[in-house]
Amino acid sequence: MVRMLNRNNCTEIGFIKKTHGVKGELLVFFEEGLDSVIENSDYLYFEVEGLLVPFFIEEIEIRDNSSAAILFDTLNVKEKSTQYIGCKIFIDNNLLADHNDILNPVLIKGFTVEDQKLGIIGEIIEIDDFGGNLVLTVKKGKKEILIPYNDNLLVNFNEAQKSIVLDCPDGLLEIND
């Protein structure tokens, strides 16, 4: 059953690239590594005219760790599906939190980063994965700061306040100057 939707409880995870096949399947591209979350979801939200609309998954074929061909139960002909090409795809944050580790890169975009010694650094605007090494891009004023992430740096994770506290090594933040 789908709960009452609060947009703040959803995260954008990808978009609809094109139709696929003759039954109305859609080729969906999403954040890398969310394939198992999507495969275990009953529904995804499409952004349609600024609103999030749930579409229930009937069949899914995971193509790789960032794309899938999905047949939605109400979009069973290609002509119906075509109108949704380009739509952004969202998922309920609870599905992400239930399925993944505490520091899910998709979930922490928009979080405030604070250093244990220096205080607030800024807002996470991007997370990049360089061969298993996560790098947080943090916006501080007009400047972007790159912070390599390691689990040992994490002091506190507060989902309710949308903040994380890190214990950055001395000099790390000055590298960006």
C-alpha atoms as a PDB file:
ATOM      1  CA  MET A   1       0.000   0.000   0.000  1.00  0.00           C
ATOM      2  CA  VAL A   2       1.291   3.478  -0.871  1.00  0.00           C
ATOM      3  CA  ARG A   3       1.333   5.947   2.032  1.00  0.00           C
ATOM      4  CA  MET A   4       0.298   9.590   1.754  1.00  0.00           C
ATOM      5  CA  LEU A   5       3.101  11.271  -0.193  1.00  0.00           C
ATOM      6  CA  ASN A   6       5.285  13.972   1.274  1.00  0.00           C
ATOM      7  CA  ARG A   7       7.764  15.116  -1.403  1.00  0.00           C
ATOM      8  CA  ASN A   8      10.385  15.785   1.306  1.00  0.00           C
ATOM      9  CA  ASN A   9      10.378  12.049   2.046  1.00  0.00           C
ATOM     10  CA  CYS A  10      11.387  11.165  -1.518  1.00  0.00           C
ATOM     11  CA  THR A  11      14.705  11.297  -3.336  1.00  0.00           C
ATOM     12  CA  GLU A  12      15.317  11.744  -7.049  1.00  0.00           C
ATOM     13  CA  ILE A  13      17.153   8.667  -8.259  1.00  0.00           C
ATOM     14  CA  GLY A  14      17.091   8.858 -12.043  1.00  0.00           C
ATOM     15  CA  PHE A  15      15.033   9.402 -15.192  1.00  0.00           C
ATOM     16  CA  ILE A  16      13.187   7.627 -17.978  1.00  0.00           C
ATOM     17  CA  LYS A  17      15.416   7.398 -21.045  1.00  0.00           C
ATOM     18  CA  LYS A  18      13.141   5.777 -23.660  1.00  0.00           C
ATOM     19  CA  THR A  19      10.597   3.072 -24.354  1.00  0.00           C
ATOM     20  CA  HIS A  20      11.873  -0.483 -24.629  1.00  0.00           C
ATOM     21  CA  GLY A  21      10.105  -3.386 -26.324  1.00  0.00           C
ATOM     22  CA  VAL A  22       6.523  -3.560 -27.551  1.00  0.00           C
ATOM     23  CA  LYS A  23       4.584  -3.961 -24.285  1.00  0.00           C
ATOM     24  CA  GLY A  24       5.256  -0.415 -23.040  1.00  0.00           C
ATOM     25  CA  GLU A  25       8.370  -1.131 -21.008  1.00  0.00           C
ATOM     26  CA  LEU A  26      10.468   1.890 -20.114  1.00  0.00           C
ATOM     27  CA  LEU A  27      14.244   2.045 -19.970  1.00  0.00           C
ATOM     28  CA  VAL A  28      15.050   3.718 -16.656  1.00  0.00           C
ATOM     29  CA  PHE A  29      18.489   5.065 -15.719  1.00  0.00           C
ATOM     30  CA  PHE A  30      19.190   5.541 -12.014  1.00  0.00           C
ATOM     31  CA  GLU A  31      21.969   6.260  -9.531  1.00  0.00           C
ATOM     32  CA  GLU A  32      24.605   3.548  -9.644  1.00  0.00           C
ATOM     33  CA  GLY A  33      24.140   0.816  -7.064  1.00  0.00           C
ATOM     34  CA  LEU A  34      20.375   1.207  -6.600  1.00  0.00           C
ATOM     35  CA  ASP A  35      19.537  -1.795  -8.773  1.00  0.00           C
ATOM     36  CA  SER A  36      18.690  -4.064  -5.822  1.00  0.00           C
ATOM     37  CA  VAL A  37      16.545  -1.352  -4.186  1.00  0.00           C
ATOM     38  CA  ILE A  38      14.552  -0.848  -7.388  1.00  0.00           C
ATOM     39  CA  GLU A  39      14.286  -4.582  -7.987  1.00  0.00           C
ATOM     40  CA  ASN A  40      12.668  -4.988  -4.557  1.00  0.00           C
ATOM     41  CA  SER A  41      10.340  -1.975  -4.884  1.00  0.00           C
ATOM     42  CA  ASP A  42       6.662  -2.333  -5.675  1.00  0.00           C
ATOM     43  CA  TYR A  43       6.425   1.161  -7.149  1.00  0.00           C
ATOM     44  CA  LEU A  44       8.384   4.234  -8.227  1.00  0.00           C
ATOM     45  CA  TYR A  45       7.277   7.848  -8.455  1.00  0.00           C
ATOM     46  CA  PHE A  46       7.347   9.764 -11.749  1.00  0.00           C
ATOM     47  CA  GLU A  47       7.467  13.541 -11.658  1.00  0.00           C
ATOM     48  CA  VAL A  48       4.531  14.593 -13.832  1.00  0.00           C
ATOM     49  CA  GLU A  49       3.758  18.312 -14.138  1.00  0.00           C
ATOM     50  CA  GLY A  50       5.594  18.986 -10.881  1.00  0.00           C
ATOM     51  CA  LEU A  51       3.767  16.290  -8.911  1.00  0.00           C
ATOM     52  CA  LEU A  52       5.020  12.855  -7.868  1.00  0.00           C
ATOM     53  CA  VAL A  53       2.744  10.113  -9.193  1.00  0.00           C
ATOM     54  CA  PRO A  54       3.183   6.452  -8.116  1.00  0.00           C
ATOM     55  CA  PHE A  55       3.482   3.806 -10.832  1.00  0.00           C
ATOM     56  CA  PHE A  56       3.404   0.168  -9.785  1.00  0.00           C
ATOM     57  CA  ILE A  57       6.020  -2.198 -11.174  1.00  0.00           C
ATOM     58  CA  GLU A  58       4.659  -5.254 -12.993  1.00  0.00           C
ATOM     59  CA  GLU A  59       7.922  -6.635 -14.447  1.00  0.00           C
ATOM     60  CA  ILE A  60      11.528  -5.576 -14.138  1.00  0.00           C
ATOM     61  CA  GLU A  61      14.687  -6.578 -15.969  1.00  0.00           C
ATOM     62  CA  ILE A  62      17.824  -5.155 -14.381  1.00  0.00           C
ATOM     63  CA  ARG A  63      20.309  -4.434 -17.167  1.00  0.00           C
ATOM     64  CA  ASP A  64      23.255  -3.317 -15.012  1.00  0.00           C
ATOM     65  CA  ASN A  65      23.817  -1.490 -11.721  1.00  0.00           C
ATOM     66  CA  SER A  66      22.372   1.765 -13.125  1.00  0.00           C
ATOM     67  CA  SER A  67      19.601   0.835 -15.571  1.00  0.00           C
ATOM     68  CA  ALA A  68      16.574  -1.404 -15.954  1.00  0.00           C
ATOM     69  CA  ALA A  69      13.750  -2.129 -18.385  1.00  0.00           C
ATOM     70  CA  ILE A  70      10.560  -1.803 -16.350  1.00  0.00           C
ATOM     71  CA  LEU A  71       6.950  -2.572 -17.238  1.00  0.00           C
ATOM     72  CA  PHE A  72       4.512  -0.602 -15.092  1.00  0.00           C
ATOM     73  CA  ASP A  73       1.017  -2.018 -14.590  1.00  0.00           C
ATOM     74  CA  THR A  74      -0.911   0.925 -16.117  1.00  0.00           C
ATOM     75  CA  LEU A  75       1.553   1.504 -18.969  1.00  0.00           C
ATOM     76  CA  ASN A  76       1.046  -1.684 -20.941  1.00  0.00           C
ATOM     77  CA  VAL A  77       1.260  -0.247 -24.463  1.00  0.00           C
ATOM     78  CA  LYS A  78       4.070   1.713 -26.040  1.00  0.00           C
ATOM     79  CA  GLU A  79       1.822   4.661 -26.911  1.00  0.00           C
ATOM     80  CA  LYS A  80       0.945   5.227 -23.223  1.00  0.00           C
ATOM     81  CA  SER A  81       4.564   4.908 -22.101  1.00  0.00           C
ATOM     82  CA  THR A  82       6.000   7.361 -24.634  1.00  0.00           C
ATOM     83  CA  GLN A  83       4.541  10.393 -22.832  1.00  0.00           C
ATOM     84  CA  TYR A  84       6.724   9.702 -19.781  1.00  0.00           C
ATOM     85  CA  ILE A  85      10.106   9.780 -21.577  1.00  0.00           C
ATOM     86  CA  GLY A  86      12.337  12.276 -19.782  1.00  0.00           C
ATOM     87  CA  CYS A  87      10.393  12.172 -16.502  1.00  0.00           C
ATOM     88  CA  LYS A  88      12.434  12.197 -13.323  1.00  0.00           C
ATOM     89  CA  ILE A  89      12.122   9.110 -11.122  1.00  0.00           C
ATOM     90  CA  PHE A  90      11.827   9.316  -7.327  1.00  0.00           C
ATOM     91  CA  ILE A  91      11.747   6.731  -4.552  1.00  0.00           C
ATOM     92  CA  ASP A  92      10.545   6.840  -0.975  1.00  0.00           C
ATOM     93  CA  ASN A  93      13.470   7.525   1.390  1.00  0.00           C
ATOM     94  CA  ASN A  94      12.293   4.737   3.703  1.00  0.00           C
ATOM     95  CA  LEU A  95      12.952   2.205   0.948  1.00  0.00           C
ATOM     96  CA  LEU A  96      16.481   3.547   0.553  1.00  0.00           C
ATOM     97  CA  ALA A  97      17.156   3.651   4.297  1.00  0.00           C
ATOM     98  CA  ASP A  98      15.750   0.153   4.906  1.00  0.00           C
ATOM     99  CA  HIS A  99      17.862  -1.381   2.193  1.00  0.00           C
ATOM    100  CA  ASN A 100      21.257   0.261   2.467  1.00  0.00           C
ATOM    101  CA  ASP A 101      23.984   1.248   4.848  1.00  0.00           C
ATOM    102  CA  ILE A 102      23.531   4.317   7.011  1.00  0.00           C
ATOM    103  CA  LEU A 103      25.567   6.555   4.695  1.00  0.00           C
ATOM    104  CA  ASN A 104      23.810   6.106   1.395  1.00  0.00           C
ATOM    105  CA  PRO A 105      25.237   8.575  -1.152  1.00  0.00           C
ATOM    106  CA  VAL A 106      21.815   9.204  -2.658  1.00  0.00           C
ATOM    107  CA  LEU A 107      20.287   9.993   0.732  1.00  0.00           C
ATOM    108  CA  ILE A 108      22.879  12.485   1.943  1.00  0.00           C
ATOM    109  CA  LYS A 109      22.707  14.967  -0.942  1.00  0.00           C
ATOM    110  CA  GLY A 110      21.476  18.187   0.626  1.00  0.00           C
ATOM    111  CA  PHE A 111      22.793  17.290   4.089  1.00  0.00           C
ATOM    112  CA  THR A 112      24.850  19.806   6.044  1.00  0.00           C
ATOM    113  CA  VAL A 113      28.438  18.740   6.749  1.00  0.00           C
ATOM    114  CA  GLU A 114      30.089  19.801   9.946  1.00  0.00           C
ATOM    115  CA  ASP A 115      33.658  19.270  11.082  1.00  0.00           C
ATOM    116  CA  GLN A 116      33.999  18.260  14.724  1.00  0.00           C
ATOM    117  CA  LYS A 117      36.603  20.980  15.357  1.00  0.00           C
ATOM    118  CA  LEU A 118      35.821  23.699  12.790  1.00  0.00           C
ATOM    119  CA  GLY A 119      32.005  23.654  12.780  1.00  0.00           C
ATOM    120  CA  ILE A 120      29.711  23.860   9.758  1.00  0.00           C
ATOM    121  CA  ILE A 121      31.441  23.406   6.416  1.00  0.00           C
ATOM    122  CA  GLY A 122      28.474  23.544   4.012  1.00  0.00           C
ATOM    123  CA  GLU A 123      25.903  21.520   2.088  1.00  0.00           C
ATOM    124  CA  ILE A 124      26.606  18.300   0.169  1.00  0.00           C
ATOM    125  CA  ILE A 125      25.714  18.935  -3.476  1.00  0.00           C
ATOM    126  CA  GLU A 126      27.296  15.871  -5.080  1.00  0.00           C
ATOM    127  CA  ILE A 127      28.847  12.529  -4.183  1.00  0.00           C
ATOM    128  CA  ASP A 128      31.325  10.956  -6.587  1.00  0.00           C
ATOM    129  CA  ASP A 129      32.645   7.419  -6.473  1.00  0.00           C
ATOM    130  CA  PHE A 130      36.204   7.030  -7.714  1.00  0.00           C
ATOM    131  CA  GLY A 131      36.810   3.287  -7.712  1.00  0.00           C
ATOM    132  CA  GLY A 132      35.158   2.761  -4.334  1.00  0.00           C
ATOM    133  CA  ASN A 133      36.478   6.005  -2.864  1.00  0.00           C
ATOM    134  CA  LEU A 134      33.667   8.439  -2.109  1.00  0.00           C
ATOM    135  CA  VAL A 135      34.314  12.154  -2.482  1.00  0.00           C
ATOM    136  CA  LEU A 136      31.788  14.654  -1.123  1.00  0.00           C
ATOM    137  CA  THR A 137      31.394  17.944  -2.996  1.00  0.00           C
ATOM    138  CA  VAL A 138      30.340  20.496  -0.389  1.00  0.00           C
ATOM    139  CA  LYS A 139      29.110  23.992  -1.257  1.00  0.00           C
ATOM    140  CA  LYS A 140      30.336  26.689   1.119  1.00  0.00           C
ATOM    141  CA  GLY A 141      29.170  30.082  -0.085  1.00  0.00           C
ATOM    142  CA  LYS A 142      30.309  30.363  -3.693  1.00  0.00           C
ATOM    143  CA  LYS A 143      33.087  27.803  -3.200  1.00  0.00           C
ATOM    144  CA  GLU A 144      32.985  24.025  -3.667  1.00  0.00           C
ATOM    145  CA  ILE A 145      35.063  21.914  -1.300  1.00  0.00           C
ATOM    146  CA  LEU A 146      36.021  18.313  -2.056  1.00  0.00           C
ATOM    147  CA  ILE A 147      36.162  16.019   0.966  1.00  0.00           C
ATOM    148  CA  PRO A 148      37.280  12.410   0.587  1.00  0.00           C
ATOM    149  CA  TYR A 149      34.945  10.283   2.700  1.00  0.00           C
ATOM    150  CA  ASN A 150      35.967   7.381   4.898  1.00  0.00           C
ATOM    151  CA  ASP A 151      33.774   5.615   7.492  1.00  0.00           C
ATOM    152  CA  ASN A 152      36.433   6.345  10.127  1.00  0.00           C
ATOM    153  CA  LEU A 153      35.788  10.096   9.693  1.00  0.00           C
ATOM    154  CA  LEU A 154      32.081   9.835  10.564  1.00  0.00           C
ATOM    155  CA  VAL A 155      31.322  11.063  14.081  1.00  0.00           C
ATOM    156  CA  ASN A 156      27.555  11.560  13.849  1.00  0.00           C
ATOM    157  CA  PHE A 157      24.804  10.974  11.300  1.00  0.00           C
ATOM    158  CA  ASN A 158      21.494  12.724  11.994  1.00  0.00           C
ATOM    159  CA  GLU A 159      18.867  11.957   9.376  1.00  0.00           C
ATOM    160  CA  ALA A 160      16.187  14.050  11.111  1.00  0.00           C
ATOM    161  CA  GLN A 161      18.361  17.186  11.050  1.00  0.00           C
ATOM    162  CA  LYS A 162      19.877  16.252   7.663  1.00  0.00           C
ATOM    163  CA  SER A 163      23.414  16.629   8.963  1.00  0.00           C
ATOM    164  CA  ILE A 164      26.601  14.653   9.319  1.00  0.00           C
ATOM    165  CA  VAL A 165      29.550  15.440  11.558  1.00  0.00           C
ATOM    166  CA  LEU A 166      33.027  14.426  10.430  1.00  0.00           C
ATOM    167  CA  ASP A 167      36.381  14.436  12.161  1.00  0.00           C
ATOM    168  CA  CYS A 168      38.490  15.722   9.259  1.00  0.00           C
ATOM    169  CA  PRO A 169      42.268  15.383   9.554  1.00  0.00           C
ATOM    170  CA  ASP A 170      44.131  18.635  10.184  1.00  0.00           C
ATOM    171  CA  GLY A 171      44.829  20.475   6.943  1.00  0.00           C
ATOM    172  CA  LEU A 172      42.313  18.535   4.829  1.00  0.00           C
ATOM    173  CA  LEU A 173      39.937  21.448   4.385  1.00  0.00           C
ATOM    174  CA  GLU A 174      42.758  23.910   3.683  1.00  0.00           C
ATOM    175  CA  ILE A 175      43.787  21.873   0.623  1.00  0.00           C
ATOM    176  CA  ASN A 176      40.765  23.331  -1.179  1.00  0.00           C
ATOM    177  CA  ASP A 177      41.926  26.961  -0.661  1.00  0.00           C
END
